Amino acid sequence: MLHTAVTHNQPVILKFLLKAYPNACVSVDTPLGSAFANPDLPTLEALRSHDPSIVNYAMEQNDGFDTLLMDYCRGGDPRLPGYLLNNGVDPDLGGLRSWALS
């Protein structure tokens, strides 16, 4: 259900589910993985309020690891990178520094 709420950009439903199931896992393999594919600020805010560490999760890609920050800097909602930077993301994770300098 969490995955579906994220995929369909339903942050109100997501918040309800996370409140109803406080031990729900929002790891990369579940709702957070969907947040990579479906960037939405209210959804990201709901996931972060449940687990603040999600801002630093990285997903394995063919050529290494992508963080949410790396992915959101490539396009989509221009508010997302700023939100992450203002909410504890480590910009050095996932090789971002070497990617940005190359």
PDB file of N, CA and C in Angstrom:
ATOM      1  N   MET A   1       0.815  -1.193   0.000  1.00  0.00           N
ATOM      2  CA  MET A   1       0.000   0.000   0.000  1.00  0.00           C
ATOM      3  C   MET A   1       0.861   1.260   0.000  1.00  0.00           C
ATOM      4  N   LEU A   2       1.971   1.234   0.748  1.00  0.00           N
ATOM      5  CA  LEU A   2       2.857   2.397   0.776  1.00  0.00           C
ATOM      6  C   LEU A   2       3.397   2.685  -0.622  1.00  0.00           C
ATOM      7  N   HIS A   3       3.828   1.632  -1.296  1.00  0.00           N
ATOM      8  CA  HIS A   3       4.360   1.770  -2.653  1.00  0.00           C
ATOM      9  C   HIS A   3       3.316   2.419  -3.575  1.00  0.00           C
ATOM     10  N   THR A   4       2.073   1.983  -3.486  1.00  0.00           N
ATOM     11  CA  THR A   4       1.010   2.515  -4.329  1.00  0.00           C
ATOM     12  C   THR A   4       0.741   3.978  -4.017  1.00  0.00           C
ATOM     13  N   ALA A   5       0.744   4.339  -2.751  1.00  0.00           N
ATOM     14  CA  ALA A   5       0.529   5.738  -2.373  1.00  0.00           C
ATOM     15  C   ALA A   5       1.629   6.633  -2.928  1.00  0.00           C
ATOM     16  N   VAL A   6       2.873   6.150  -2.902  1.00  0.00           N
ATOM     17  CA  VAL A   6       3.992   6.926  -3.440  1.00  0.00           C
ATOM     18  C   VAL A   6       3.897   7.006  -4.964  1.00  0.00           C
ATOM     19  N   THR A   7       3.667   5.878  -5.602  1.00  0.00           N
ATOM     20  CA  THR A   7       3.605   5.822  -7.057  1.00  0.00           C
ATOM     21  C   THR A   7       2.526   6.745  -7.625  1.00  0.00           C
ATOM     22  N   HIS A   8       1.425   6.865  -6.902  1.00  0.00           N
ATOM     23  CA  HIS A   8       0.308   7.684  -7.373  1.00  0.00           C
ATOM     24  C   HIS A   8       0.288   9.074  -6.730  1.00  0.00           C
ATOM     25  N   ASN A   9       1.415   9.460  -6.132  1.00  0.00           N
ATOM     26  CA  ASN A   9       1.553  10.794  -5.524  1.00  0.00           C
ATOM     27  C   ASN A   9       0.372  11.136  -4.618  1.00  0.00           C
ATOM     28  N   GLN A  10       0.168  10.282  -3.620  1.00  0.00           N
ATOM     29  CA  GLN A  10      -0.916  10.458  -2.656  1.00  0.00           C
ATOM     30  C   GLN A  10      -0.335  10.653  -1.254  1.00  0.00           C
ATOM     31  N   PRO A  11       0.258  11.837  -0.985  1.00  0.00           N
ATOM     32  CA  PRO A  11       0.910  12.038   0.307  1.00  0.00           C
ATOM     33  C   PRO A  11      -0.046  11.988   1.498  1.00  0.00           C
ATOM     34  N   VAL A  12      -1.300  12.358   1.318  1.00  0.00           N
ATOM     35  CA  VAL A  12      -2.256  12.294   2.435  1.00  0.00           C
ATOM     36  C   VAL A  12      -2.477  10.842   2.841  1.00  0.00           C
ATOM     37  N   ILE A  13      -2.666   9.986   1.859  1.00  0.00           N
ATOM     38  CA  ILE A  13      -2.833   8.554   2.145  1.00  0.00           C
ATOM     39  C   ILE A  13      -1.548   7.989   2.730  1.00  0.00           C
ATOM     40  N   LEU A  14      -0.409   8.384   2.182  1.00  0.00           N
ATOM     41  CA  LEU A  14       0.878   7.927   2.695  1.00  0.00           C
ATOM     42  C   LEU A  14       1.049   8.304   4.167  1.00  0.00           C
ATOM     43  N   LYS A  15       0.744   9.549   4.517  1.00  0.00           N
ATOM     44  CA  LYS A  15       0.846   9.986   5.918  1.00  0.00           C
ATOM     45  C   LYS A  15      -0.074   9.171   6.812  1.00  0.00           C
ATOM     46  N   PHE A  16      -1.301   8.900   6.344  1.00  0.00           N
ATOM     47  CA  PHE A  16      -2.238   8.098   7.116  1.00  0.00           C
ATOM     48  C   PHE A  16      -1.683   6.700   7.368  1.00  0.00           C
ATOM     49  N   LEU A  17      -1.167   6.072   6.310  1.00  0.00           N
ATOM     50  CA  LEU A  17      -0.613   4.722   6.446  1.00  0.00           C
ATOM     51  C   LEU A  17       0.595   4.691   7.374  1.00  0.00           C
ATOM     52  N   LEU A  18       1.465   5.687   7.247  1.00  0.00           N
ATOM     53  CA  LEU A  18       2.658   5.720   8.110  1.00  0.00           C
ATOM     54  C   LEU A  18       2.285   5.970   9.569  1.00  0.00           C
ATOM     55  N   LYS A  19       1.211   6.721   9.789  1.00  0.00           N
ATOM     56  CA  LYS A  19       0.743   6.936  11.160  1.00  0.00           C
ATOM     57  C   LYS A  19       0.100   5.657  11.706  1.00  0.00           C
ATOM     58  N   ALA A  20      -0.648   4.972  10.860  1.00  0.00           N
ATOM     59  CA  ALA A  20      -1.309   3.733  11.278  1.00  0.00           C
ATOM     60  C   ALA A  20      -0.309   2.602  11.503  1.00  0.00           C
ATOM     61  N   TYR A  21       0.794   2.634  10.759  1.00  0.00           N
ATOM     62  CA  TYR A  21       1.820   1.591  10.850  1.00  0.00           C
ATOM     63  C   TYR A  21       3.173   2.250  11.127  1.00  0.00           C
ATOM     64  N   PRO A  22       3.389   2.680  12.383  1.00  0.00           N
ATOM     65  CA  PRO A  22       4.609   3.434  12.702  1.00  0.00           C
ATOM     66  C   PRO A  22       5.907   2.661  12.491  1.00  0.00           C
ATOM     67  N   ASN A  23       5.853   1.349  12.426  1.00  0.00           N
ATOM     68  CA  ASN A  23       7.061   0.553  12.201  1.00  0.00           C
ATOM     69  C   ASN A  23       7.253   0.186  10.735  1.00  0.00           C
ATOM     70  N   ALA A  24       6.491   0.800   9.865  1.00  0.00           N
ATOM     71  CA  ALA A  24       6.594   0.500   8.438  1.00  0.00           C
ATOM     72  C   ALA A  24       7.987   0.843   7.927  1.00  0.00           C
ATOM     73  N   CYS A  25       8.491  -0.012   7.075  1.00  0.00           N
ATOM     74  CA  CYS A  25       9.819   0.173   6.489  1.00  0.00           C
ATOM     75  C   CYS A  25       9.688   1.023   5.226  1.00  0.00           C
ATOM     76  N   VAL A  26      10.468   2.086   5.158  1.00  0.00           N
ATOM     77  CA  VAL A  26      10.456   2.950   3.967  1.00  0.00           C
ATOM     78  C   VAL A  26      11.817   2.892   3.275  1.00  0.00           C
ATOM     79  N   SER A  27      12.390   1.710   3.245  1.00  0.00           N
ATOM     80  CA  SER A  27      13.725   1.543   2.666  1.00  0.00           C
ATOM     81  C   SER A  27      13.697   1.682   1.157  1.00  0.00           C
ATOM     82  N   VAL A  28      14.857   1.612   0.565  1.00  0.00           N
ATOM     83  CA  VAL A  28      15.016   1.765  -0.878  1.00  0.00           C
ATOM     84  C   VAL A  28      14.194   0.739  -1.644  1.00  0.00           C
ATOM     85  N   ASP A  29      14.046  -0.464  -1.118  1.00  0.00           N
ATOM     86  CA  ASP A  29      13.340  -1.521  -1.846  1.00  0.00           C
ATOM     87  C   ASP A  29      11.831  -1.344  -1.838  1.00  0.00           C
ATOM     88  N   THR A  30      11.326  -0.416  -1.046  1.00  0.00           N
ATOM     89  CA  THR A  30       9.872  -0.252  -0.940  1.00  0.00           C
ATOM     90  C   THR A  30       9.473   1.162  -1.369  1.00  0.00           C
ATOM     91  N   PRO A  31       8.824   1.947  -0.526  1.00  0.00           N
ATOM     92  CA  PRO A  31       8.348   3.258  -0.980  1.00  0.00           C
ATOM     93  C   PRO A  31       9.431   4.207  -1.463  1.00  0.00           C
ATOM     94  N   LEU A  32      10.601   4.153  -0.877  1.00  0.00           N
ATOM     95  CA  LEU A  32      11.637   5.088  -1.298  1.00  0.00           C
ATOM     96  C   LEU A  32      12.087   4.814  -2.721  1.00  0.00           C
ATOM     97  N   GLY A  33      12.147   3.560  -3.101  1.00  0.00           N
ATOM     98  CA  GLY A  33      12.478   3.237  -4.491  1.00  0.00           C
ATOM     99  C   GLY A  33      11.474   3.851  -5.449  1.00  0.00           C
ATOM    100  N   SER A  34      10.222   3.871  -5.041  1.00  0.00           N
ATOM    101  CA  SER A  34       9.188   4.508  -5.858  1.00  0.00           C
ATOM    102  C   SER A  34       9.368   6.019  -5.897  1.00  0.00           C
ATOM    103  N   ALA A  35       9.909   6.592  -4.831  1.00  0.00           N
ATOM    104  CA  ALA A  35      10.137   8.033  -4.797  1.00  0.00           C
ATOM    105  C   ALA A  35      11.227   8.444  -5.785  1.00  0.00           C
ATOM    106  N   PHE A  36      12.168   7.537  -6.068  1.00  0.00           N
ATOM    107  CA  PHE A  36      13.167   7.811  -7.101  1.00  0.00           C
ATOM    108  C   PHE A  36      12.468   7.987  -8.450  1.00  0.00           C
ATOM    109  N   ALA A  37      11.540   7.095  -8.733  1.00  0.00           N
ATOM    110  CA  ALA A  37      10.872   7.088 -10.033  1.00  0.00           C
ATOM    111  C   ALA A  37       9.733   8.095 -10.132  1.00  0.00           C
ATOM    112  N   ASN A  38       9.183   8.516  -9.004  1.00  0.00           N
ATOM    113  CA  ASN A  38       8.030   9.412  -8.981  1.00  0.00           C
ATOM    114  C   ASN A  38       8.285  10.582  -8.040  1.00  0.00           C
ATOM    115  N   PRO A  39       9.195  11.483  -8.406  1.00  0.00           N
ATOM    116  CA  PRO A  39       9.551  12.570  -7.499  1.00  0.00           C
ATOM    117  C   PRO A  39       8.372  13.509  -7.227  1.00  0.00           C
ATOM    118  N   ASP A  40       8.115  13.727  -5.956  1.00  0.00           N
ATOM    119  CA  ASP A  40       6.999  14.571  -5.533  1.00  0.00           C
ATOM    120  C   ASP A  40       7.341  15.122  -4.154  1.00  0.00           C
ATOM    121  N   LEU A  41       7.369  16.442  -4.004  1.00  0.00           N
ATOM    122  CA  LEU A  41       7.792  17.049  -2.744  1.00  0.00           C
ATOM    123  C   LEU A  41       6.920  16.649  -1.560  1.00  0.00           C
ATOM    124  N   PRO A  42       5.581  16.718  -1.634  1.00  0.00           N
ATOM    125  CA  PRO A  42       4.780  16.300  -0.473  1.00  0.00           C
ATOM    126  C   PRO A  42       5.011  14.836  -0.082  1.00  0.00           C
ATOM    127  N   THR A  43       5.225  13.982  -1.071  1.00  0.00           N
ATOM    128  CA  THR A  43       5.499  12.573  -0.770  1.00  0.00           C
ATOM    129  C   THR A  43       6.852  12.425  -0.081  1.00  0.00           C
ATOM    130  N   LEU A  44       7.860  13.125  -0.588  1.00  0.00           N
ATOM    131  CA  LEU A  44       9.184  13.084   0.033  1.00  0.00           C
ATOM    132  C   LEU A  44       9.126  13.616   1.461  1.00  0.00           C
ATOM    133  N   GLU A  45       8.373  14.686   1.681  1.00  0.00           N
ATOM    134  CA  GLU A  45       8.215  15.232   3.035  1.00  0.00           C
ATOM    135  C   GLU A  45       7.590  14.207   3.970  1.00  0.00           C
ATOM    136  N   ALA A  46       6.579  13.492   3.489  1.00  0.00           N
ATOM    137  CA  ALA A  46       5.917  12.473   4.324  1.00  0.00           C
ATOM    138  C   ALA A  46       6.882  11.341   4.656  1.00  0.00           C
ATOM    139  N   LEU A  47       7.658  10.889   3.673  1.00  0.00           N
ATOM    140  CA  LEU A  47       8.631   9.821   3.924  1.00  0.00           C
ATOM    141  C   LEU A  47       9.712  10.287   4.892  1.00  0.00           C
ATOM    142  N   ARG A  48      10.190  11.503   4.712  1.00  0.00           N
ATOM    143  CA  ARG A  48      11.241  12.039   5.579  1.00  0.00           C
ATOM    144  C   ARG A  48      10.738  12.241   7.008  1.00  0.00           C
ATOM    145  N   SER A  49       9.487  12.640   7.168  1.00  0.00           N
ATOM    146  CA  SER A  49       8.966  12.825   8.525  1.00  0.00           C
ATOM    147  C   SER A  49       8.866  11.488   9.256  1.00  0.00           C
ATOM    148  N   HIS A  50       8.700  10.417   8.506  1.00  0.00           N
ATOM    149  CA  HIS A  50       8.649   9.074   9.096  1.00  0.00           C
ATOM    150  C   HIS A  50      10.053   8.558   9.402  1.00  0.00           C
ATOM    151  N   ASP A  51      11.000   8.834   8.510  1.00  0.00           N
ATOM    152  CA  ASP A  51      12.375   8.359   8.673  1.00  0.00           C
ATOM    153  C   ASP A  51      13.330   9.404   8.094  1.00  0.00           C
ATOM    154  N   PRO A  52      13.844  10.324   8.938  1.00  0.00           N
ATOM    155  CA  PRO A  52      14.713  11.392   8.437  1.00  0.00           C
ATOM    156  C   PRO A  52      15.955  10.914   7.694  1.00  0.00           C
ATOM    157  N   SER A  53      16.395   9.696   7.936  1.00  0.00           N
ATOM    158  CA  SER A  53      17.614   9.216   7.280  1.00  0.00           C
ATOM    159  C   SER A  53      17.408   8.905   5.796  1.00  0.00           C
ATOM    160  N   ILE A  54      16.169   8.885   5.326  1.00  0.00           N
ATOM    161  CA  ILE A  54      15.945   8.537   3.923  1.00  0.00           C
ATOM    162  C   ILE A  54      16.594   9.516   2.959  1.00  0.00           C
ATOM    163  N   VAL A  55      16.869  10.739   3.415  1.00  0.00           N
ATOM    164  CA  VAL A  55      17.479  11.716   2.509  1.00  0.00           C
ATOM    165  C   VAL A  55      18.860  11.255   2.044  1.00  0.00           C
ATOM    166  N   ASN A  56      19.483  10.338   2.758  1.00  0.00           N
ATOM    167  CA  ASN A  56      20.826   9.867   2.405  1.00  0.00           C
ATOM    168  C   ASN A  56      20.860   8.454   1.838  1.00  0.00           C
ATOM    169  N   TYR A  57      19.714   7.865   1.573  1.00  0.00           N
ATOM    170  CA  TYR A  57      19.716   6.535   0.975  1.00  0.00           C
ATOM    171  C   TYR A  57      20.263   6.602  -0.439  1.00  0.00           C
ATOM    172  N   ALA A  58      20.925   5.548  -0.845  1.00  0.00           N
ATOM    173  CA  ALA A  58      21.442   5.450  -2.207  1.00  0.00           C
ATOM    174  C   ALA A  58      20.892   4.182  -2.833  1.00  0.00           C
ATOM    175  N   MET A  59      20.626   4.255  -4.111  1.00  0.00           N
ATOM    176  CA  MET A  59      20.140   3.105  -4.865  1.00  0.00           C
ATOM    177  C   MET A  59      21.226   2.639  -5.806  1.00  0.00           C
ATOM    178  N   GLU A  60      21.447   1.341  -5.849  1.00  0.00           N
ATOM    179  CA  GLU A  60      22.467   0.798  -6.751  1.00  0.00           C
ATOM    180  C   GLU A  60      21.979   0.917  -8.195  1.00  0.00           C
ATOM    181  N   GLN A  61      22.847   1.433  -9.019  1.00  0.00           N
ATOM    182  CA  GLN A  61      22.592   1.553 -10.449  1.00  0.00           C
ATOM    183  C   GLN A  61      23.673   0.772 -11.181  1.00  0.00           C
ATOM    184  N   ASN A  62      23.576   0.647 -12.470  1.00  0.00           N
ATOM    185  CA  ASN A  62      24.567  -0.106 -13.255  1.00  0.00           C
ATOM    186  C   ASN A  62      25.980   0.424 -13.072  1.00  0.00           C
ATOM    187  N   ASP A  63      26.123   1.732 -12.977  1.00  0.00           N
ATOM    188  CA  ASP A  63      27.451   2.327 -12.908  1.00  0.00           C
ATOM    189  C   ASP A  63      27.822   2.827 -11.517  1.00  0.00           C
ATOM    190  N   GLY A  64      27.170   2.346 -10.494  1.00  0.00           N
ATOM    191  CA  GLY A  64      27.482   2.765  -9.127  1.00  0.00           C
ATOM    192  C   GLY A  64      26.220   2.998  -8.330  1.00  0.00           C
ATOM    193  N   PHE A  65      26.247   4.053  -7.535  1.00  0.00           N
ATOM    194  CA  PHE A  65      25.114   4.359  -6.683  1.00  0.00           C
ATOM    195  C   PHE A  65      24.584   5.752  -6.995  1.00  0.00           C
ATOM    196  N   ASP A  66      23.276   5.892  -6.979  1.00  0.00           N
ATOM    197  CA  ASP A  66      22.612   7.184  -7.105  1.00  0.00           C
ATOM    198  C   ASP A  66      21.922   7.502  -5.796  1.00  0.00           C
ATOM    199  N   THR A  67      22.085   8.715  -5.342  1.00  0.00           N
ATOM    200  CA  THR A  67      21.334   9.180  -4.185  1.00  0.00           C
ATOM    201  C   THR A  67      20.102   9.928  -4.697  1.00  0.00           C
ATOM    202  N   LEU A  68      19.172  10.200  -3.798  1.00  0.00           N
ATOM    203  CA  LEU A  68      18.015  11.014  -4.178  1.00  0.00           C
ATOM    204  C   LEU A  68      18.475  12.358  -4.719  1.00  0.00           C
ATOM    205  N   LEU A  69      19.481  12.954  -4.072  1.00  0.00           N
ATOM    206  CA  LEU A  69      19.966  14.261  -4.509  1.00  0.00           C
ATOM    207  C   LEU A  69      20.482  14.188  -5.944  1.00  0.00           C
ATOM    208  N   MET A  70      21.280  13.182  -6.245  1.00  0.00           N
ATOM    209  CA  MET A  70      21.805  13.040  -7.602  1.00  0.00           C
ATOM    210  C   MET A  70      20.670  12.891  -8.603  1.00  0.00           C
ATOM    211  N   ASP A  71      19.721  12.055  -8.267  1.00  0.00           N
ATOM    212  CA  ASP A  71      18.608  11.794  -9.170  1.00  0.00           C
ATOM    213  C   ASP A  71      17.762  13.052  -9.376  1.00  0.00           C
ATOM    214  N   TYR A  72      17.465  13.747  -8.305  1.00  0.00           N
ATOM    215  CA  TYR A  72      16.597  14.924  -8.399  1.00  0.00           C
ATOM    216  C   TYR A  72      17.297  16.110  -9.040  1.00  0.00           C
ATOM    217  N   CYS A  73      18.632  16.150  -9.009  1.00  0.00           N
ATOM    218  CA  CYS A  73      19.368  17.219  -9.694  1.00  0.00           C
ATOM    219  C   CYS A  73      19.315  17.059 -11.206  1.00  0.00           C
ATOM    220  N   ARG A  74      19.021  15.874 -11.663  1.00  0.00           N
ATOM    221  CA  ARG A  74      18.974  15.615 -13.109  1.00  0.00           C
ATOM    222  C   ARG A  74      17.688  16.105 -13.754  1.00  0.00           C
ATOM    223  N   GLY A  75      16.700  16.425 -12.967  1.00  0.00           N
ATOM    224  CA  GLY A  75      15.454  16.900 -13.543  1.00  0.00           C
ATOM    225  C   GLY A  75      14.283  16.679 -12.612  1.00  0.00           C
ATOM    226  N   GLY A  76      13.149  17.158 -13.056  1.00  0.00           N
ATOM    227  CA  GLY A  76      11.951  17.028 -12.255  1.00  0.00           C
ATOM    228  C   GLY A  76      11.661  18.305 -11.491  1.00  0.00           C
ATOM    229  N   ASP A  77      11.044  18.176 -10.354  1.00  0.00           N
ATOM    230  CA  ASP A  77      10.648  19.316  -9.530  1.00  0.00           C
ATOM    231  C   ASP A  77      11.893  20.033  -9.021  1.00  0.00           C
ATOM    232  N   PRO A  78      12.096  21.294  -9.396  1.00  0.00           N
ATOM    233  CA  PRO A  78      13.317  22.001  -8.986  1.00  0.00           C
ATOM    234  C   PRO A  78      13.397  22.282  -7.488  1.00  0.00           C
ATOM    235  N   ARG A  79      12.313  22.086  -6.753  1.00  0.00           N
ATOM    236  CA  ARG A  79      12.333  22.288  -5.288  1.00  0.00           C
ATOM    237  C   ARG A  79      12.981  21.125  -4.551  1.00  0.00           C
ATOM    238  N   LEU A  80      13.034  19.953  -5.169  1.00  0.00           N
ATOM    239  CA  LEU A  80      13.490  18.747  -4.465  1.00  0.00           C
ATOM    240  C   LEU A  80      14.949  18.803  -4.025  1.00  0.00           C
ATOM    241  N   PRO A  81      15.901  19.209  -4.879  1.00  0.00           N
ATOM    242  CA  PRO A  81      17.288  19.274  -4.398  1.00  0.00           C
ATOM    243  C   PRO A  81      17.451  20.232  -3.213  1.00  0.00           C
ATOM    244  N   GLY A  82      16.810  21.380  -3.276  1.00  0.00           N
ATOM    245  CA  GLY A  82      16.886  22.332  -2.165  1.00  0.00           C
ATOM    246  C   GLY A  82      16.285  21.777  -0.892  1.00  0.00           C
ATOM    247  N   TYR A  83      15.170  21.063  -1.026  1.00  0.00           N
ATOM    248  CA  TYR A  83      14.541  20.436   0.144  1.00  0.00           C
ATOM    249  C   TYR A  83      15.511  19.458   0.793  1.00  0.00           C
ATOM    250  N   LEU A  84      16.143  18.625  -0.031  1.00  0.00           N
ATOM    251  CA  LEU A  84      17.093  17.657   0.515  1.00  0.00           C
ATOM    252  C   LEU A  84      18.268  18.349   1.187  1.00  0.00           C
ATOM    253  N   LEU A  85      18.815  19.383   0.541  1.00  0.00           N
ATOM    254  CA  LEU A  85      19.961  20.104   1.106  1.00  0.00           C
ATOM    255  C   LEU A  85      19.604  20.795   2.408  1.00  0.00           C
ATOM    256  N   ASN A  86      18.374  21.235   2.542  1.00  0.00           N
ATOM    257  CA  ASN A  86      17.926  21.894   3.777  1.00  0.00           C
ATOM    258  C   ASN A  86      17.499  20.914   4.856  1.00  0.00           C
ATOM    259  N   ASN A  87      17.487  19.625   4.524  1.00  0.00           N
ATOM    260  CA  ASN A  87      16.990  18.633   5.479  1.00  0.00           C
ATOM    261  C   ASN A  87      17.961  17.492   5.722  1.00  0.00           C
ATOM    262  N   GLY A  88      19.253  17.798   5.693  1.00  0.00           N
ATOM    263  CA  GLY A  88      20.251  16.855   6.180  1.00  0.00           C
ATOM    264  C   GLY A  88      20.915  15.946   5.178  1.00  0.00           C
ATOM    265  N   VAL A  89      20.689  16.126   3.881  1.00  0.00           N
ATOM    266  CA  VAL A  89      21.348  15.253   2.913  1.00  0.00           C
ATOM    267  C   VAL A  89      22.854  15.514   2.933  1.00  0.00           C
ATOM    268  N   ASP A  90      23.627  14.454   2.751  1.00  0.00           N
ATOM    269  CA  ASP A  90      25.079  14.565   2.638  1.00  0.00           C
ATOM    270  C   ASP A  90      25.413  14.590   1.149  1.00  0.00           C
ATOM    271  N   PRO A  91      25.796  15.747   0.595  1.00  0.00           N
ATOM    272  CA  PRO A  91      26.031  15.827  -0.845  1.00  0.00           C
ATOM    273  C   PRO A  91      27.250  15.038  -1.320  1.00  0.00           C
ATOM    274  N   ASP A  92      28.056  14.521  -0.416  1.00  0.00           N
ATOM    275  CA  ASP A  92      29.229  13.745  -0.804  1.00  0.00           C
ATOM    276  C   ASP A  92      28.934  12.256  -0.970  1.00  0.00           C
ATOM    277  N   LEU A  93      27.739  11.822  -0.636  1.00  0.00           N
ATOM    278  CA  LEU A  93      27.393  10.406  -0.777  1.00  0.00           C
ATOM    279  C   LEU A  93      27.174  10.035  -2.227  1.00  0.00           C
ATOM    280  N   GLY A  94      27.432   8.803  -2.562  1.00  0.00           N
ATOM    281  CA  GLY A  94      27.150   8.274  -3.884  1.00  0.00           C
ATOM    282  C   GLY A  94      28.041   8.804  -4.973  1.00  0.00           C
ATOM    283  N   GLY A  95      29.162   9.367  -4.603  1.00  0.00           N
ATOM    284  CA  GLY A  95      30.086   9.869  -5.614  1.00  0.00           C
ATOM    285  C   GLY A  95      29.673  11.195  -6.214  1.00  0.00           C
ATOM    286  N   LEU A  96      28.769  11.916  -5.541  1.00  0.00           N
ATOM    287  CA  LEU A  96      28.265  13.170  -6.100  1.00  0.00           C
ATOM    288  C   LEU A  96      29.390  14.155  -6.324  1.00  0.00           C
ATOM    289  N   ARG A  97      30.334  14.236  -5.392  1.00  0.00           N
ATOM    290  CA  ARG A  97      31.425  15.207  -5.539  1.00  0.00           C
ATOM    291  C   ARG A  97      32.214  14.935  -6.826  1.00  0.00           C
ATOM    292  N   SER A  98      32.596  13.692  -7.065  1.00  0.00           N
ATOM    293  CA  SER A  98      33.368  13.403  -8.271  1.00  0.00           C
ATOM    294  C   SER A  98      32.494  13.574  -9.517  1.00  0.00           C
ATOM    295  N   TRP A  99      31.201  13.268  -9.398  1.00  0.00           N
ATOM    296  CA  TRP A  99      30.294  13.455 -10.529  1.00  0.00           C
ATOM    297  C   TRP A  99      30.157  14.931 -10.863  1.00  0.00           C
ATOM    298  N   ALA A 100      30.048  15.765  -9.835  1.00  0.00           N
ATOM    299  CA  ALA A 100      29.855  17.194 -10.058  1.00  0.00           C
ATOM    300  C   ALA A 100      31.111  17.856 -10.620  1.00  0.00           C
ATOM    301  N   LEU A 101      32.273  17.319 -10.285  1.00  0.00           N
ATOM    302  CA  LEU A 101      33.517  17.948 -10.727  1.00  0.00           C
ATOM    303  C   LEU A 101      33.976  17.431 -12.096  1.00  0.00           C
ATOM    304  N   SER A 102      33.399  16.338 -12.555  1.00  0.00           N
ATOM    305  CA  SER A 102      33.859  15.782 -13.831  1.00  0.00           C
ATOM    306  C   SER A 102      33.244  16.473 -15.018  1.00  0.00           C
TER     307      SER A 102
END
